[in-house]
Amino acid sequence: MTKVTVTLPEMKAGEEGTVIGVRGQEGFPRRLWVLGLFPGKRVKKIGSSLGGGPIVISCGTQELALGRGLASRVMVEVER
Protein backbone atom coordinates (compact mmCIF):
# COMPACT_ATOMS: atom_id res chain seq x y z
CA MET A 1 0.00 0.00 0.00
CA THR A 2 1.04 3.57 -0.71
CA LYS A 3 0.37 6.67 1.36
CA VAL A 4 -1.65 9.24 -0.58
CA THR A 5 -2.76 12.74 0.40
CA VAL A 6 -6.43 13.49 -0.31
CA THR A 7 -9.14 15.85 0.92
CA LEU A 8 -12.05 14.67 3.07
CA PRO A 9 -14.52 14.59 0.12
CA GLU A 10 -12.04 12.47 -1.88
CA MET A 11 -11.93 9.78 0.81
CA LYS A 12 -14.09 6.72 0.30
CA ALA A 13 -16.82 5.87 2.82
CA GLY A 14 -15.27 3.72 5.56
CA GLU A 15 -11.72 4.83 4.70
CA GLU A 16 -9.45 5.96 7.55
CA GLY A 17 -6.60 8.43 7.51
CA THR A 18 -4.55 10.96 9.44
CA VAL A 19 -5.17 14.71 9.23
CA ILE A 20 -2.04 16.50 8.02
CA GLY A 21 -3.20 20.08 7.46
CA VAL A 22 -5.51 22.54 5.77
CA ARG A 23 -4.90 23.58 2.17
CA GLY A 24 -4.70 27.31 1.53
CA GLN A 25 -4.02 28.37 5.11
CA GLU A 26 -0.86 28.73 7.12
CA GLY A 27 -2.32 27.90 10.51
CA PHE A 28 -4.98 25.38 11.39
CA PRO A 29 -8.41 27.02 11.79
CA ARG A 30 -9.44 27.47 15.42
CA ARG A 31 -12.91 26.13 14.64
CA LEU A 32 -11.44 22.74 13.67
CA TRP A 33 -9.21 22.64 16.77
CA VAL A 34 -12.26 23.24 18.96
CA LEU A 35 -14.04 20.34 17.23
CA GLY A 36 -11.05 18.10 17.98
CA LEU A 37 -9.84 17.96 14.38
CA PHE A 38 -6.12 18.79 14.17
CA PRO A 39 -2.91 17.50 12.52
CA GLY A 40 -2.08 13.95 13.61
CA LYS A 41 -5.71 13.08 14.45
CA ARG A 42 -7.10 9.84 12.99
CA VAL A 43 -10.40 10.20 11.14
CA LYS A 44 -12.79 7.85 9.37
CA LYS A 45 -15.17 8.97 6.66
CA ILE A 46 -18.69 7.83 7.45
CA GLY A 47 -20.30 9.16 4.30
CA SER A 48 -21.63 12.12 2.38
CA SER A 49 -24.85 13.31 0.78
CA LEU A 50 -25.24 12.99 -2.97
CA GLY A 51 -26.55 16.50 -3.61
CA GLY A 52 -23.50 18.33 -2.30
CA GLY A 53 -24.39 18.09 1.38
CA PRO A 54 -22.00 17.77 4.32
CA ILE A 55 -19.20 15.24 4.75
CA VAL A 56 -19.67 13.10 7.86
CA ILE A 57 -16.55 11.83 9.62
CA SER A 58 -15.76 10.01 12.83
CA CYS A 59 -13.12 11.79 14.90
CA GLY A 60 -12.30 10.03 18.15
CA THR A 61 -15.56 9.31 19.94
CA GLN A 62 -17.62 11.87 18.04
CA GLU A 63 -19.09 12.24 14.57
CA LEU A 64 -18.76 15.56 12.75
CA ALA A 65 -20.62 16.91 9.73
CA LEU A 66 -18.48 19.42 7.82
CA GLY A 67 -19.65 21.55 4.93
CA ARG A 68 -18.00 20.67 1.63
CA GLY A 69 -16.19 24.00 1.42
CA LEU A 70 -14.31 23.43 4.65
CA ALA A 71 -14.00 19.66 4.16
CA SER A 72 -12.39 20.16 0.73
CA ARG A 73 -9.53 22.06 2.38
CA VAL A 74 -8.75 19.45 5.08
CA MET A 75 -5.85 17.29 3.87
CA VAL A 76 -5.70 13.66 5.02
CA GLU A 77 -3.06 10.99 4.48
CA VAL A 78 -4.56 7.58 3.61
CA GLU A 79 -3.14 4.23 2.53
CA ARG A 80 -4.36 2.88 -0.80
Foldseek 3Di string as FASTA:
>chain_A
DDKDKAFLVPDDAFFKWFWAAFPPDDDHDPVCVVVVHDGGWMKGWHAADPVQFWTWIDTPPDIDTHHPVRRRGTMTIGDD
